[in-house]
């Protein structure tokens, strides 16, 4: 089953660059019953590698602005460290609730905007 989830996560990450982390977290937390904080760290590590690999596929169809990439890399690295430190302080059930609410809101917005 974990290999199937890996395939789904890889395809979602390559297609949309979003949502795949939630699929992985949901599976590992609610199906495999692993600890939420460890799962989120694993998800970030896995998706970081998958995203780096996906860059090579997108490179053929998208022109990159290296200045924007470097700026975003710096900002996201700094805020990623801050987010990780905050995540350690939030109980698992609250993290899962926040995650669920964000996915629900994003789904509603997407449906409304069509």
PDB file of N, CA and C in Angstrom:
ATOM      1  N   UNK A   1       0.819  -1.206   0.000  1.00  0.00           N
ATOM      2  CA  UNK A   1       0.000   0.000   0.000  1.00  0.00           C
ATOM      3  C   UNK A   1       0.862   1.269   0.000  1.00  0.00           C
ATOM      4  N   UNK A   2       1.967   1.237   0.738  1.00  0.00           N
ATOM      5  CA  UNK A   2       2.822   2.424   0.811  1.00  0.00           C
ATOM      6  C   UNK A   2       3.393   2.776  -0.561  1.00  0.00           C
ATOM      7  N   UNK A   3       3.631   1.761  -1.392  1.00  0.00           N
ATOM      8  CA  UNK A   3       4.165   2.035  -2.736  1.00  0.00           C
ATOM      9  C   UNK A   3       3.107   2.712  -3.603  1.00  0.00           C
ATOM     10  N   UNK A   4       1.862   2.298  -3.459  1.00  0.00           N
ATOM     11  CA  UNK A   4       0.767   2.941  -4.188  1.00  0.00           C
ATOM     12  C   UNK A   4       0.624   4.397  -3.758  1.00  0.00           C
ATOM     13  N   UNK A   5       0.711   4.645  -2.463  1.00  0.00           N
ATOM     14  CA  UNK A   5       0.645   6.017  -1.958  1.00  0.00           C
ATOM     15  C   UNK A   5       1.815   6.823  -2.514  1.00  0.00           C
ATOM     16  N   UNK A   6       3.002   6.214  -2.583  1.00  0.00           N
ATOM     17  CA  UNK A   6       4.168   6.889  -3.158  1.00  0.00           C
ATOM     18  C   UNK A   6       3.939   7.279  -4.606  1.00  0.00           C
ATOM     19  N   UNK A   7       3.317   6.394  -5.370  1.00  0.00           N
ATOM     20  CA  UNK A   7       3.009   6.693  -6.772  1.00  0.00           C
ATOM     21  C   UNK A   7       2.010   7.846  -6.857  1.00  0.00           C
ATOM     22  N   UNK A   8       0.961   7.795  -6.049  1.00  0.00           N
ATOM     23  CA  UNK A   8      -0.056   8.852  -6.057  1.00  0.00           C
ATOM     24  C   UNK A   8       0.553  10.196  -5.664  1.00  0.00           C
ATOM     25  N   UNK A   9       1.360  10.185  -4.607  1.00  0.00           N
ATOM     26  CA  UNK A   9       2.005  11.416  -4.138  1.00  0.00           C
ATOM     27  C   UNK A   9       2.927  11.985  -5.214  1.00  0.00           C
ATOM     28  N   UNK A  10       3.710  11.132  -5.861  1.00  0.00           N
ATOM     29  CA  UNK A  10       4.614  11.586  -6.920  1.00  0.00           C
ATOM     30  C   UNK A  10       3.871  12.193  -8.090  1.00  0.00           C
ATOM     31  N   UNK A  11       2.786  11.552  -8.503  1.00  0.00           N
ATOM     32  CA  UNK A  11       1.991  12.070  -9.627  1.00  0.00           C
ATOM     33  C   UNK A  11       1.343  13.400  -9.256  1.00  0.00           C
ATOM     34  N   UNK A  12       0.743  13.479  -8.066  1.00  0.00           N
ATOM     35  CA  UNK A  12       0.119  14.736  -7.634  1.00  0.00           C
ATOM     36  C   UNK A  12       1.144  15.857  -7.536  1.00  0.00           C
ATOM     37  N   UNK A  13       2.307  15.539  -7.003  1.00  0.00           N
ATOM     38  CA  UNK A  13       3.349  16.555  -6.874  1.00  0.00           C
ATOM     39  C   UNK A  13       3.805  17.040  -8.245  1.00  0.00           C
ATOM     40  N   UNK A  14       3.978  16.123  -9.178  1.00  0.00           N
ATOM     41  CA  UNK A  14       4.396  16.509 -10.530  1.00  0.00           C
ATOM     42  C   UNK A  14       3.331  17.280 -11.280  1.00  0.00           C
ATOM     43  N   UNK A  15       2.067  16.884 -11.106  1.00  0.00           N
ATOM     44  CA  UNK A  15       0.977  17.541 -11.833  1.00  0.00           C
ATOM     45  C   UNK A  15       0.621  18.907 -11.263  1.00  0.00           C
ATOM     46  N   UNK A  16       0.434  18.956  -9.952  1.00  0.00           N
ATOM     47  CA  UNK A  16      -0.143  20.153  -9.347  1.00  0.00           C
ATOM     48  C   UNK A  16       0.801  20.911  -8.422  1.00  0.00           C
ATOM     49  N   UNK A  17       1.881  20.285  -8.004  1.00  0.00           N
ATOM     50  CA  UNK A  17       2.792  20.862  -7.009  1.00  0.00           C
ATOM     51  C   UNK A  17       2.070  21.237  -5.727  1.00  0.00           C
ATOM     52  N   UNK A  18       0.968  20.569  -5.473  1.00  0.00           N
ATOM     53  CA  UNK A  18       0.232  20.791  -4.231  1.00  0.00           C
ATOM     54  C   UNK A  18      -0.665  19.596  -3.974  1.00  0.00           C
ATOM     55  N   UNK A  19      -1.070  19.441  -2.740  1.00  0.00           N
ATOM     56  CA  UNK A  19      -1.997  18.376  -2.397  1.00  0.00           C
ATOM     57  C   UNK A  19      -1.339  17.049  -2.087  1.00  0.00           C
ATOM     58  N   UNK A  20      -0.183  16.822  -2.651  1.00  0.00           N
ATOM     59  CA  UNK A  20       0.457  15.526  -2.452  1.00  0.00           C
ATOM     60  C   UNK A  20       0.896  15.334  -1.001  1.00  0.00           C
ATOM     61  N   UNK A  21       1.313  16.399  -0.362  1.00  0.00           N
ATOM     62  CA  UNK A  21       1.707  16.312   1.047  1.00  0.00           C
ATOM     63  C   UNK A  21       0.537  15.928   1.926  1.00  0.00           C
ATOM     64  N   UNK A  22      -0.630  16.451   1.613  1.00  0.00           N
ATOM     65  CA  UNK A  22      -1.813  16.122   2.397  1.00  0.00           C
ATOM     66  C   UNK A  22      -2.205  14.657   2.229  1.00  0.00           C
ATOM     67  N   UNK A  23      -2.059  14.131   1.022  1.00  0.00           N
ATOM     68  CA  UNK A  23      -2.360  12.718   0.784  1.00  0.00           C
ATOM     69  C   UNK A  23      -1.412  11.852   1.616  1.00  0.00           C
ATOM     70  N   UNK A  24      -0.131  12.188   1.580  1.00  0.00           N
ATOM     71  CA  UNK A  24       0.867  11.425   2.323  1.00  0.00           C
ATOM     72  C   UNK A  24       0.623  11.530   3.829  1.00  0.00           C
ATOM     73  N   UNK A  25       0.384  12.726   4.330  1.00  0.00           N
ATOM     74  CA  UNK A  25       0.131  12.925   5.762  1.00  0.00           C
ATOM     75  C   UNK A  25      -1.128  12.172   6.193  1.00  0.00           C
ATOM     76  N   UNK A  26      -2.201  12.285   5.421  1.00  0.00           N
ATOM     77  CA  UNK A  26      -3.444  11.589   5.761  1.00  0.00           C
ATOM     78  C   UNK A  26      -3.201  10.087   5.874  1.00  0.00           C
ATOM     79  N   UNK A  27      -2.542   9.527   4.879  1.00  0.00           N
ATOM     80  CA  UNK A  27      -2.290   8.085   4.877  1.00  0.00           C
ATOM     81  C   UNK A  27      -1.453   7.668   6.088  1.00  0.00           C
ATOM     82  N   UNK A  28      -0.367   8.363   6.330  1.00  0.00           N
ATOM     83  CA  UNK A  28       0.536   7.957   7.404  1.00  0.00           C
ATOM     84  C   UNK A  28      -0.040   8.205   8.798  1.00  0.00           C
ATOM     85  N   UNK A  29      -0.830   9.266   8.964  1.00  0.00           N
ATOM     86  CA  UNK A  29      -1.397   9.563  10.284  1.00  0.00           C
ATOM     87  C   UNK A  29      -2.633   8.717  10.560  1.00  0.00           C
ATOM     88  N   UNK A  30      -3.565   8.686   9.613  1.00  0.00           N
ATOM     89  CA  UNK A  30      -4.851   8.056   9.891  1.00  0.00           C
ATOM     90  C   UNK A  30      -4.931   6.575   9.509  1.00  0.00           C
ATOM     91  N   UNK A  31      -4.150   6.138   8.563  1.00  0.00           N
ATOM     92  CA  UNK A  31      -4.180   4.733   8.163  1.00  0.00           C
ATOM     93  C   UNK A  31      -3.056   3.953   8.862  1.00  0.00           C
ATOM     94  N   UNK A  32      -1.832   4.487   8.794  1.00  0.00           N
ATOM     95  CA  UNK A  32      -0.690   3.799   9.411  1.00  0.00           C
ATOM     96  C   UNK A  32      -0.515   4.140  10.893  1.00  0.00           C
ATOM     97  N   UNK A  33      -1.258   5.150  11.384  1.00  0.00           N
ATOM     98  CA  UNK A  33      -1.251   5.559  12.796  1.00  0.00           C
ATOM     99  C   UNK A  33       0.137   5.996  13.297  1.00  0.00           C
ATOM    100  N   UNK A  34       0.888   6.696  12.438  1.00  0.00           N
ATOM    101  CA  UNK A  34       2.178   7.228  12.860  1.00  0.00           C
ATOM    102  C   UNK A  34       1.983   8.590  13.522  1.00  0.00           C
ATOM    103  N   UNK A  35       2.961   9.026  14.288  1.00  0.00           N
ATOM    104  CA  UNK A  35       2.875  10.281  15.033  1.00  0.00           C
ATOM    105  C   UNK A  35       2.907  11.474  14.074  1.00  0.00           C
ATOM    106  N   UNK A  36       1.994  12.398  14.270  1.00  0.00           N
ATOM    107  CA  UNK A  36       1.778  13.518  13.358  1.00  0.00           C
ATOM    108  C   UNK A  36       3.030  14.344  13.100  1.00  0.00           C
ATOM    109  N   UNK A  37       3.752  14.696  14.133  1.00  0.00           N
ATOM    110  CA  UNK A  37       4.926  15.556  13.952  1.00  0.00           C
ATOM    111  C   UNK A  37       5.995  14.871  13.094  1.00  0.00           C
ATOM    112  N   UNK A  38       6.213  13.584  13.327  1.00  0.00           N
ATOM    113  CA  UNK A  38       7.199  12.840  12.540  1.00  0.00           C
ATOM    114  C   UNK A  38       6.737  12.705  11.091  1.00  0.00           C
ATOM    115  N   UNK A  39       5.441  12.499  10.904  1.00  0.00           N
ATOM    116  CA  UNK A  39       4.884  12.351   9.555  1.00  0.00           C
ATOM    117  C   UNK A  39       5.046  13.636   8.760  1.00  0.00           C
ATOM    118  N   UNK A  40       4.806  14.761   9.382  1.00  0.00           N
ATOM    119  CA  UNK A  40       4.942  16.038   8.680  1.00  0.00           C
ATOM    120  C   UNK A  40       6.393  16.285   8.273  1.00  0.00           C
ATOM    121  N   UNK A  41       7.325  15.920   9.138  1.00  0.00           N
ATOM    122  CA  UNK A  41       8.745  16.055   8.795  1.00  0.00           C
ATOM    123  C   UNK A  41       9.097  15.125   7.625  1.00  0.00           C
ATOM    124  N   UNK A  42       8.598  13.902   7.660  1.00  0.00           N
ATOM    125  CA  UNK A  42       8.834  12.956   6.568  1.00  0.00           C
ATOM    126  C   UNK A  42       8.224  13.467   5.275  1.00  0.00           C
ATOM    127  N   UNK A  43       7.033  14.038   5.358  1.00  0.00           N
ATOM    128  CA  UNK A  43       6.349  14.573   4.181  1.00  0.00           C
ATOM    129  C   UNK A  43       7.160  15.691   3.538  1.00  0.00           C
ATOM    130  N   UNK A  44       7.664  16.599   4.355  1.00  0.00           N
ATOM    131  CA  UNK A  44       8.458  17.710   3.824  1.00  0.00           C
ATOM    132  C   UNK A  44       9.724  17.185   3.143  1.00  0.00           C
ATOM    133  N   UNK A  45      10.396  16.231   3.781  1.00  0.00           N
ATOM    134  CA  UNK A  45      11.624  15.677   3.204  1.00  0.00           C
ATOM    135  C   UNK A  45      11.328  14.978   1.878  1.00  0.00           C
ATOM    136  N   UNK A  46      10.300  14.156   1.865  1.00  0.00           N
ATOM    137  CA  UNK A  46       9.934  13.407   0.657  1.00  0.00           C
ATOM    138  C   UNK A  46       9.547  14.346  -0.477  1.00  0.00           C
ATOM    139  N   UNK A  47       8.706  15.315  -0.185  1.00  0.00           N
ATOM    140  CA  UNK A  47       8.218  16.211  -1.227  1.00  0.00           C
ATOM    141  C   UNK A  47       9.282  17.197  -1.693  1.00  0.00           C
ATOM    142  N   UNK A  48      10.228  17.514  -0.826  1.00  0.00           N
ATOM    143  CA  UNK A  48      11.328  18.381  -1.263  1.00  0.00           C
ATOM    144  C   UNK A  48      12.136  17.689  -2.353  1.00  0.00           C
ATOM    145  N   UNK A  49      12.439  16.424  -2.128  1.00  0.00           N
ATOM    146  CA  UNK A  49      13.190  15.658  -3.132  1.00  0.00           C
ATOM    147  C   UNK A  49      12.368  15.495  -4.407  1.00  0.00           C
ATOM    148  N   UNK A  50      11.079  15.161  -4.254  1.00  0.00           N
ATOM    149  CA  UNK A  50      10.213  14.987  -5.430  1.00  0.00           C
ATOM    150  C   UNK A  50      10.083  16.298  -6.209  1.00  0.00           C
ATOM    151  N   UNK A  51      10.017  17.410  -5.502  1.00  0.00           N
ATOM    152  CA  UNK A  51       9.905  18.707  -6.171  1.00  0.00           C
ATOM    153  C   UNK A  51      11.170  19.060  -6.930  1.00  0.00           C
ATOM    154  N   UNK A  52      12.306  18.764  -6.342  1.00  0.00           N
ATOM    155  CA  UNK A  52      13.579  19.030  -7.036  1.00  0.00           C
ATOM    156  C   UNK A  52      13.637  18.224  -8.328  1.00  0.00           C
ATOM    157  N   UNK A  53      13.228  16.966  -8.272  1.00  0.00           N
ATOM    158  CA  UNK A  53      13.228  16.120  -9.467  1.00  0.00           C
ATOM    159  C   UNK A  53      12.223  16.646 -10.495  1.00  0.00           C
ATOM    160  N   UNK A  54      11.064  17.109 -10.034  1.00  0.00           N
ATOM    161  CA  UNK A  54      10.039  17.629 -10.954  1.00  0.00           C
ATOM    162  C   UNK A  54      10.505  18.874 -11.696  1.00  0.00           C
ATOM    163  N   UNK A  55      11.422  19.619 -11.091  1.00  0.00           N
ATOM    164  CA  UNK A  55      11.950  20.820 -11.752  1.00  0.00           C
ATOM    165  C   UNK A  55      12.513  20.473 -13.129  1.00  0.00           C
ATOM    166  N   UNK A  56      13.175  19.341 -13.226  1.00  0.00           N
ATOM    167  CA  UNK A  56      13.778  18.951 -14.502  1.00  0.00           C
ATOM    168  C   UNK A  56      12.715  18.694 -15.566  1.00  0.00           C
ATOM    169  N   UNK A  57      11.558  18.165 -15.162  1.00  0.00           N
ATOM    170  CA  UNK A  57      10.464  17.964 -16.109  1.00  0.00           C
ATOM    171  C   UNK A  57       9.840  19.279 -16.541  1.00  0.00           C
ATOM    172  N   UNK A  58       9.652  20.177 -15.599  1.00  0.00           N
ATOM    173  CA  UNK A  58       9.071  21.480 -15.912  1.00  0.00           C
ATOM    174  C   UNK A  58      10.028  22.350 -16.700  1.00  0.00           C
ATOM    175  N   UNK A  59      11.315  22.113 -16.552  1.00  0.00           N
ATOM    176  CA  UNK A  59      12.337  22.909 -17.218  1.00  0.00           C
ATOM    177  C   UNK A  59      12.155  22.915 -18.740  1.00  0.00           C
ATOM    178  N   UNK A  60      11.573  21.876 -19.275  1.00  0.00           N
ATOM    179  CA  UNK A  60      11.383  21.780 -20.720  1.00  0.00           C
ATOM    180  C   UNK A  60      10.216  22.641 -21.232  1.00  0.00           C
ATOM    181  N   UNK A  61       9.279  22.986 -20.340  1.00  0.00           N
ATOM    182  CA  UNK A  61       8.098  23.734 -20.783  1.00  0.00           C
ATOM    183  C   UNK A  61       7.942  25.099 -20.126  1.00  0.00           C
ATOM    184  N   UNK A  62       8.748  25.382 -19.118  1.00  0.00           N
ATOM    185  CA  UNK A  62       8.624  26.644 -18.379  1.00  0.00           C
ATOM    186  C   UNK A  62       9.984  27.327 -18.336  1.00  0.00           C
ATOM    187  N   UNK A  63       9.974  28.627 -18.569  1.00  0.00           N
ATOM    188  CA  UNK A  63      11.204  29.397 -18.454  1.00  0.00           C
ATOM    189  C   UNK A  63      11.287  29.948 -17.033  1.00  0.00           C
ATOM    190  N   UNK A  64      12.400  29.686 -16.356  1.00  0.00           N
ATOM    191  CA  UNK A  64      12.559  30.107 -14.973  1.00  0.00           C
ATOM    192  C   UNK A  64      13.237  31.465 -14.891  1.00  0.00           C
ATOM    193  N   UNK A  65      12.773  32.287 -13.939  1.00  0.00           N
ATOM    194  CA  UNK A  65      13.428  33.550 -13.615  1.00  0.00           C
ATOM    195  C   UNK A  65      14.283  33.282 -12.378  1.00  0.00           C
ATOM    196  N   UNK A  66      15.580  33.127 -12.568  1.00  0.00           N
ATOM    197  CA  UNK A  66      16.484  32.703 -11.501  1.00  0.00           C
ATOM    198  C   UNK A  66      16.470  33.669 -10.315  1.00  0.00           C
ATOM    199  N   UNK A  67      16.276  34.975 -10.575  1.00  0.00           N
ATOM    200  CA  UNK A  67      16.219  35.965  -9.492  1.00  0.00           C
ATOM    201  C   UNK A  67      15.012  35.690  -8.581  1.00  0.00           C
ATOM    202  N   UNK A  68      13.864  35.424  -9.191  1.00  0.00           N
ATOM    203  CA  UNK A  68      12.675  35.101  -8.403  1.00  0.00           C
ATOM    204  C   UNK A  68      12.844  33.789  -7.650  1.00  0.00           C
ATOM    205  N   UNK A  69      13.465  32.821  -8.281  1.00  0.00           N
ATOM    206  CA  UNK A  69      13.667  31.524  -7.634  1.00  0.00           C
ATOM    207  C   UNK A  69      14.540  31.670  -6.396  1.00  0.00           C
ATOM    208  N   UNK A  70      15.626  32.413  -6.512  1.00  0.00           N
ATOM    209  CA  UNK A  70      16.534  32.603  -5.374  1.00  0.00           C
ATOM    210  C   UNK A  70      15.827  33.354  -4.251  1.00  0.00           C
ATOM    211  N   UNK A  71      15.078  34.394  -4.605  1.00  0.00           N
ATOM    212  CA  UNK A  71      14.334  35.162  -3.601  1.00  0.00           C
ATOM    213  C   UNK A  71      13.333  34.276  -2.874  1.00  0.00           C
ATOM    214  N   UNK A  72      12.556  33.508  -3.634  1.00  0.00           N
ATOM    215  CA  UNK A  72      11.561  32.619  -3.031  1.00  0.00           C
ATOM    216  C   UNK A  72      12.215  31.519  -2.202  1.00  0.00           C
ATOM    217  N   UNK A  73      13.346  31.029  -2.649  1.00  0.00           N
ATOM    218  CA  UNK A  73      14.072  30.000  -1.914  1.00  0.00           C
ATOM    219  C   UNK A  73      14.517  30.517  -0.548  1.00  0.00           C
ATOM    220  N   UNK A  74      15.036  31.723  -0.521  1.00  0.00           N
ATOM    221  CA  UNK A  74      15.485  32.318   0.743  1.00  0.00           C
ATOM    222  C   UNK A  74      14.300  32.545   1.677  1.00  0.00           C
ATOM    223  N   UNK A  75      13.240  33.153   1.157  1.00  0.00           N
ATOM    224  CA  UNK A  75      12.060  33.436   1.978  1.00  0.00           C
ATOM    225  C   UNK A  75      11.436  32.145   2.499  1.00  0.00           C
ATOM    226  N   UNK A  76      11.259  31.161   1.614  1.00  0.00           N
ATOM    227  CA  UNK A  76      10.603  29.927   2.040  1.00  0.00           C
ATOM    228  C   UNK A  76      11.480  29.123   2.998  1.00  0.00           C
ATOM    229  N   UNK A  77      12.787  29.223   2.872  1.00  0.00           N
ATOM    230  CA  UNK A  77      13.677  28.531   3.808  1.00  0.00           C
ATOM    231  C   UNK A  77      13.568  29.127   5.205  1.00  0.00           C
ATOM    232  N   UNK A  78      13.593  30.437   5.283  1.00  0.00           N
ATOM    233  CA  UNK A  78      13.486  31.113   6.583  1.00  0.00           C
ATOM    234  C   UNK A  78      12.130  30.837   7.222  1.00  0.00           C
ATOM    235  N   UNK A  79      11.067  31.005   6.459  1.00  0.00           N
ATOM    236  CA  UNK A  79       9.733  30.776   7.029  1.00  0.00           C
ATOM    237  C   UNK A  79       9.489  29.293   7.287  1.00  0.00           C
ATOM    238  N   UNK A  80      10.149  28.427   6.534  1.00  0.00           N
ATOM    239  CA  UNK A  80      10.046  26.990   6.793  1.00  0.00           C
ATOM    240  C   UNK A  80      10.641  26.622   8.141  1.00  0.00           C
ATOM    241  N   UNK A  81      11.760  27.248   8.484  1.00  0.00           N
ATOM    242  CA  UNK A  81      12.378  27.015   9.790  1.00  0.00           C
ATOM    243  C   UNK A  81      11.461  27.521  10.906  1.00  0.00           C
ATOM    244  N   UNK A  82      10.880  28.696  10.702  1.00  0.00           N
ATOM    245  CA  UNK A  82       9.949  29.250  11.692  1.00  0.00           C
ATOM    246  C   UNK A  82       8.742  28.333  11.852  1.00  0.00           C
ATOM    247  N   UNK A  83       8.184  27.879  10.724  1.00  0.00           N
ATOM    248  CA  UNK A  83       7.026  26.988  10.768  1.00  0.00           C
ATOM    249  C   UNK A  83       7.324  25.680  11.470  1.00  0.00           C
ATOM    250  N   UNK A  84       8.514  25.144  11.260  1.00  0.00           N
ATOM    251  CA  UNK A  84       8.903  23.897  11.913  1.00  0.00           C
ATOM    252  C   UNK A  84       8.988  24.073  13.419  1.00  0.00           C
ATOM    253  N   UNK A  85       9.552  25.190  13.845  1.00  0.00           N
ATOM    254  CA  UNK A  85       9.652  25.452  15.288  1.00  0.00           C
ATOM    255  C   UNK A  85       8.262  25.618  15.902  1.00  0.00           C
ATOM    256  N   UNK A  86       7.353  26.281  15.185  1.00  0.00           N
ATOM    257  CA  UNK A  86       5.980  26.439  15.677  1.00  0.00           C
ATOM    258  C   UNK A  86       5.251  25.099  15.707  1.00  0.00           C
ATOM    259  N   UNK A  87       5.461  24.271  14.680  1.00  0.00           N
ATOM    260  CA  UNK A  87       4.777  22.988  14.590  1.00  0.00           C
ATOM    261  C   UNK A  87       5.083  22.096  15.784  1.00  0.00           C
ATOM    262  N   UNK A  88       6.311  22.161  16.275  1.00  0.00           N
ATOM    263  CA  UNK A  88       6.708  21.333  17.413  1.00  0.00           C
ATOM    264  C   UNK A  88       5.906  21.668  18.670  1.00  0.00           C
ATOM    265  N   UNK A  89       5.399  22.906  18.739  1.00  0.00           N
ATOM    266  CA  UNK A  89       4.694  23.364  19.930  1.00  0.00           C
ATOM    267  C   UNK A  89       3.183  23.131  19.852  1.00  0.00           C
ATOM    268  N   UNK A  90       2.680  22.764  18.684  1.00  0.00           N
ATOM    269  CA  UNK A  90       1.242  22.582  18.494  1.00  0.00           C
ATOM    270  C   UNK A  90       0.895  21.099  18.647  1.00  0.00           C
ATOM    271  N   UNK A  91      -0.113  20.782  19.474  1.00  0.00           N
ATOM    272  CA  UNK A  91      -0.509  19.377  19.641  1.00  0.00           C
ATOM    273  C   UNK A  91      -0.965  18.754  18.315  1.00  0.00           C
ATOM    274  N   UNK A  92      -0.763  17.451  18.183  1.00  0.00           N
ATOM    275  CA  UNK A  92      -1.066  16.730  16.949  1.00  0.00           C
ATOM    276  C   UNK A  92      -2.508  16.901  16.497  1.00  0.00           C
ATOM    277  N   UNK A  93      -3.457  16.814  17.422  1.00  0.00           N
ATOM    278  CA  UNK A  93      -4.861  16.917  17.029  1.00  0.00           C
ATOM    279  C   UNK A  93      -5.188  18.304  16.469  1.00  0.00           C
ATOM    280  N   UNK A  94      -4.548  19.328  17.003  1.00  0.00           N
ATOM    281  CA  UNK A  94      -4.760  20.685  16.499  1.00  0.00           C
ATOM    282  C   UNK A  94      -4.127  20.829  15.111  1.00  0.00           C
ATOM    283  N   UNK A  95      -2.939  20.262  14.916  1.00  0.00           N
ATOM    284  CA  UNK A  95      -2.302  20.294  13.593  1.00  0.00           C
ATOM    285  C   UNK A  95      -3.191  19.637  12.546  1.00  0.00           C
ATOM    286  N   UNK A  96      -3.750  18.481  12.891  1.00  0.00           N
ATOM    287  CA  UNK A  96      -4.618  17.773  11.954  1.00  0.00           C
ATOM    288  C   UNK A  96      -5.891  18.574  11.672  1.00  0.00           C
ATOM    289  N   UNK A  97      -6.439  19.228  12.697  1.00  0.00           N
ATOM    290  CA  UNK A  97      -7.637  20.048  12.518  1.00  0.00           C
ATOM    291  C   UNK A  97      -7.343  21.245  11.602  1.00  0.00           C
ATOM    292  N   UNK A  98      -6.241  21.939  11.853  1.00  0.00           N
ATOM    293  CA  UNK A  98      -5.860  23.080  11.018  1.00  0.00           C
ATOM    294  C   UNK A  98      -5.661  22.638   9.575  1.00  0.00           C
ATOM    295  N   UNK A  99      -4.979  21.525   9.395  1.00  0.00           N
ATOM    296  CA  UNK A  99      -4.733  20.998   8.058  1.00  0.00           C
ATOM    297  C   UNK A  99      -6.048  20.690   7.342  1.00  0.00           C
ATOM    298  N   UNK A 100      -6.956  20.045   8.040  1.00  0.00           N
ATOM    299  CA  UNK A 100      -8.262  19.718   7.455  1.00  0.00           C
ATOM    300  C   UNK A 100      -9.057  20.958   7.081  1.00  0.00           C
ATOM    301  N   UNK A 101      -9.040  21.951   7.950  1.00  0.00           N
ATOM    302  CA  UNK A 101      -9.765  23.196   7.682  1.00  0.00           C
ATOM    303  C   UNK A 101      -9.180  23.902   6.453  1.00  0.00           C
ATOM    304  N   UNK A 102      -7.852  23.948   6.367  1.00  0.00           N
ATOM    305  CA  UNK A 102      -7.213  24.590   5.206  1.00  0.00           C
ATOM    306  C   UNK A 102      -7.583  23.886   3.904  1.00  0.00           C
ATOM    307  N   UNK A 103      -7.563  22.570   3.908  1.00  0.00           N
ATOM    308  CA  UNK A 103      -7.932  21.815   2.703  1.00  0.00           C
ATOM    309  C   UNK A 103      -9.388  22.059   2.347  1.00  0.00           C
ATOM    310  N   UNK A 104     -10.268  22.079   3.350  1.00  0.00           N
ATOM    311  CA  UNK A 104     -11.686  22.345   3.109  1.00  0.00           C
ATOM    312  C   UNK A 104     -11.888  23.737   2.519  1.00  0.00           C
ATOM    313  N   UNK A 105     -11.218  24.736   3.094  1.00  0.00           N
ATOM    314  CA  UNK A 105     -11.345  26.106   2.581  1.00  0.00           C
ATOM    315  C   UNK A 105     -10.826  26.223   1.154  1.00  0.00           C
ATOM    316  N   UNK A 106      -9.680  25.620   0.885  1.00  0.00           N
ATOM    317  CA  UNK A 106      -9.140  25.661  -0.462  1.00  0.00           C
ATOM    318  C   UNK A 106     -10.068  24.971  -1.467  1.00  0.00           C
ATOM    319  N   UNK A 107     -10.679  23.880  -1.045  1.00  0.00           N
ATOM    320  CA  UNK A 107     -11.637  23.180  -1.914  1.00  0.00           C
ATOM    321  C   UNK A 107     -12.849  24.034  -2.191  1.00  0.00           C
ATOM    322  N   UNK A 108     -13.391  24.689  -1.188  1.00  0.00           N
ATOM    323  CA  UNK A 108     -14.555  25.556  -1.352  1.00  0.00           C
ATOM    324  C   UNK A 108     -14.210  26.718  -2.286  1.00  0.00           C
ATOM    325  N   UNK A 109     -13.061  27.334  -2.066  1.00  0.00           N
ATOM    326  CA  UNK A 109     -12.634  28.451  -2.934  1.00  0.00           C
ATOM    327  C   UNK A 109     -12.506  27.979  -4.376  1.00  0.00           C
ATOM    328  N   UNK A 110     -11.914  26.828  -4.581  1.00  0.00           N
ATOM    329  CA  UNK A 110     -11.737  26.285  -5.926  1.00  0.00           C
ATOM    330  C   UNK A 110     -13.087  25.999  -6.592  1.00  0.00           C
ATOM    331  N   UNK A 111     -14.033  25.481  -5.840  1.00  0.00           N
ATOM    332  CA  UNK A 111     -15.365  25.206  -6.384  1.00  0.00           C
ATOM    333  C   UNK A 111     -16.085  26.506  -6.754  1.00  0.00           C
ATOM    334  N   UNK A 112     -15.991  27.499  -5.882  1.00  0.00           N
ATOM    335  CA  UNK A 112     -16.641  28.785  -6.135  1.00  0.00           C
ATOM    336  C   UNK A 112     -16.048  29.473  -7.363  1.00  0.00           C
ATOM    337  N   UNK A 113     -14.717  29.463  -7.466  1.00  0.00           N
ATOM    338  CA  UNK A 113     -14.065  30.115  -8.599  1.00  0.00           C
ATOM    339  C   UNK A 113     -14.195  29.304  -9.879  1.00  0.00           C
ATOM    340  N   UNK A 114     -14.535  28.029  -9.749  1.00  0.00           N
ATOM    341  CA  UNK A 114     -14.781  27.172 -10.913  1.00  0.00           C
ATOM    342  C   UNK A 114     -13.554  26.822 -11.603  1.00  0.00           C
TER     343      UNK A 114
END
